[in-house]
Amino acid sequence: MELKHLIDIAYEQAKETYNDQSFTFNQLYDLVSKNDSADFPKQSIGEFYSELLLDPRFTYFGNENWKLREFLSENELKNINSNLYDIADEETSKVSETYVQEAQKDIDEDFQEDTSASEELND
């Protein structure tokens, strides 16, 4: 069975079973794998998870919780987006800070090498 079709079945099952309630990936996987119309090969669990991440109908909002996007309030969506940007900003700051420190160290080392070479030439 094609994974896209499995994602469609997952969406239909989630909508019928969970409606506006959150669910875990394992709950959704169990639900879909028990569906008679889904020939769900076990080796595809990783691919299914990847497709779930990419499908805009599903939203992951932490602590193993998923929800159908159509049932998220505007405030929930704003909080999710805000948290994602906060995490990204923190990571960017850490990377930038590390980069600046390493660049400064390289500059200092180059300066010391240049100074040493100049002193040797003057001797």
Protein backbone atom coordinates (compact mmCIF):
# COMPACT_ATOMS: atom_id res chain seq x y z
CA MET A 1 0.00 0.00 0.00
CA GLU A 2 1.24 3.46 -0.84
CA LEU A 3 2.24 5.59 2.15
CA LYS A 4 0.22 8.56 0.96
CA HIS A 5 -2.84 6.37 1.13
CA LEU A 6 -1.88 5.32 4.66
CA ILE A 7 -1.62 8.99 5.66
CA ASP A 8 -5.12 9.57 4.29
CA ILE A 9 -6.41 6.60 6.29
CA ALA A 10 -4.57 7.91 9.36
CA TYR A 11 -6.23 11.29 8.92
CA GLU A 12 -9.71 9.79 8.55
CA GLN A 13 -9.18 7.49 11.54
CA ALA A 14 -7.80 10.30 13.70
CA LYS A 15 -10.70 12.56 12.79
CA GLU A 16 -13.26 9.86 13.62
CA THR A 17 -11.58 8.61 16.78
CA TYR A 18 -9.88 11.62 18.36
CA ASN A 19 -11.71 14.54 16.77
CA ASP A 20 -10.34 17.56 18.70
CA GLN A 21 -8.42 15.50 21.28
CA SER A 22 -4.67 14.97 21.22
CA PHE A 23 -3.14 11.56 20.52
CA THR A 24 0.30 9.96 20.41
CA PHE A 25 2.02 8.53 17.36
CA ASN A 26 1.73 5.04 18.89
CA GLN A 27 -2.03 5.46 19.32
CA LEU A 28 -2.39 6.56 15.71
CA TYR A 29 -0.10 3.80 14.46
CA ASP A 30 -2.10 1.17 16.36
CA LEU A 31 -5.34 2.60 15.00
CA VAL A 32 -4.16 2.58 11.39
CA SER A 33 -2.49 -0.82 11.61
CA LYS A 34 -5.78 -2.36 12.83
CA ASN A 35 -7.73 -0.81 9.95
CA ASP A 36 -8.96 -3.46 7.51
CA SER A 37 -8.39 -1.23 4.49
CA ALA A 38 -4.76 -0.55 5.42
CA ASP A 39 -2.11 -3.08 4.51
CA PHE A 40 0.43 -1.60 6.91
CA PRO A 41 3.90 -3.13 6.57
CA LYS A 42 5.92 -2.97 9.80
CA GLN A 43 9.11 -1.89 8.01
CA SER A 44 7.35 1.32 6.93
CA ILE A 45 6.90 2.75 10.43
CA GLY A 46 9.75 5.23 9.94
CA GLU A 47 8.45 6.31 6.56
CA PHE A 48 4.96 6.64 7.99
CA TYR A 49 6.30 8.84 10.80
CA SER A 50 8.16 10.99 8.26
CA GLU A 51 5.01 11.38 6.17
CA LEU A 52 3.09 12.31 9.31
CA LEU A 53 5.63 15.03 10.07
CA LEU A 54 5.28 16.42 6.56
CA ASP A 55 1.49 16.26 6.36
CA PRO A 56 0.05 19.70 7.24
CA ARG A 57 -3.16 18.13 8.58
CA PHE A 58 -1.25 16.83 11.61
CA THR A 59 0.49 19.03 14.15
CA TYR A 60 3.03 17.88 16.71
CA PHE A 61 2.96 20.05 19.79
CA GLY A 62 5.38 18.37 22.19
CA ASN A 63 5.43 15.62 24.79
CA GLU A 64 4.55 13.01 22.16
CA ASN A 65 1.24 14.78 21.51
CA TRP A 66 -0.28 15.24 18.08
CA LYS A 67 -3.49 16.91 17.08
CA LEU A 68 -5.34 17.47 13.85
CA ARG A 69 -4.51 21.00 12.74
CA GLU A 70 -8.12 21.83 11.91
CA PHE A 71 -9.02 21.48 15.60
CA LEU A 72 -6.26 23.75 16.92
CA SER A 73 -7.33 27.16 18.07
CA GLU A 74 -5.61 30.25 16.75
CA ASN A 75 -3.90 30.72 20.13
CA GLU A 76 -2.58 27.14 20.11
CA LEU A 77 -1.12 27.67 16.63
CA LYS A 78 0.48 30.95 17.71
CA ASN A 79 1.99 29.27 20.79
CA ILE A 80 3.37 26.40 18.71
CA ASN A 81 4.90 28.80 16.18
CA SER A 82 6.23 31.05 18.91
CA ASN A 83 7.85 28.13 20.72
CA LEU A 84 9.43 26.89 17.49
CA TYR A 85 10.90 30.32 16.75
CA ASP A 86 12.12 30.70 20.35
CA ILE A 87 13.94 27.37 20.10
CA ALA A 88 15.38 28.33 16.73
CA ASP A 89 16.48 31.73 18.07
CA GLU A 90 18.17 30.11 21.09
CA GLU A 91 19.98 27.62 18.87
CA THR A 92 21.02 30.37 16.46
CA SER A 93 22.32 32.45 19.36
CA LYS A 94 24.34 29.51 20.68
CA VAL A 95 25.79 28.78 17.26
CA SER A 96 26.55 32.46 16.64
CA GLU A 97 28.21 32.85 20.03
CA THR A 98 30.34 29.75 19.48
CA TYR A 99 31.27 30.91 15.99
CA VAL A 100 32.33 34.35 17.27
CA GLN A 101 34.42 32.79 20.05
CA GLU A 102 36.15 30.43 17.62
CA ALA A 103 36.74 33.23 15.11
CA GLN A 104 38.23 35.44 17.83
CA LYS A 105 40.51 32.59 18.93
CA ASP A 106 41.68 32.11 15.31
CA ILE A 107 42.31 35.84 14.94
CA ASP A 108 44.30 35.91 18.19
CA GLU A 109 46.39 32.91 17.09
CA ASP A 110 47.06 34.47 13.68
CA PHE A 111 48.08 37.74 15.34
CA GLN A 112 50.47 35.93 17.66
CA GLU A 113 52.00 34.04 14.71
CA ASP A 114 52.39 37.27 12.74
CA THR A 115 53.93 39.02 15.74
CA SER A 116 56.36 36.15 16.30
CA ALA A 117 57.35 36.12 12.61
CA SER A 118 57.94 39.91 12.68
CA GLU A 119 60.09 39.64 15.78
CA GLU A 120 62.18 36.90 14.16
CA LEU A 121 62.72 39.04 11.07
CA ASN A 122 63.80 42.00 13.19
CA ASP A 123 66.35 39.91 15.13
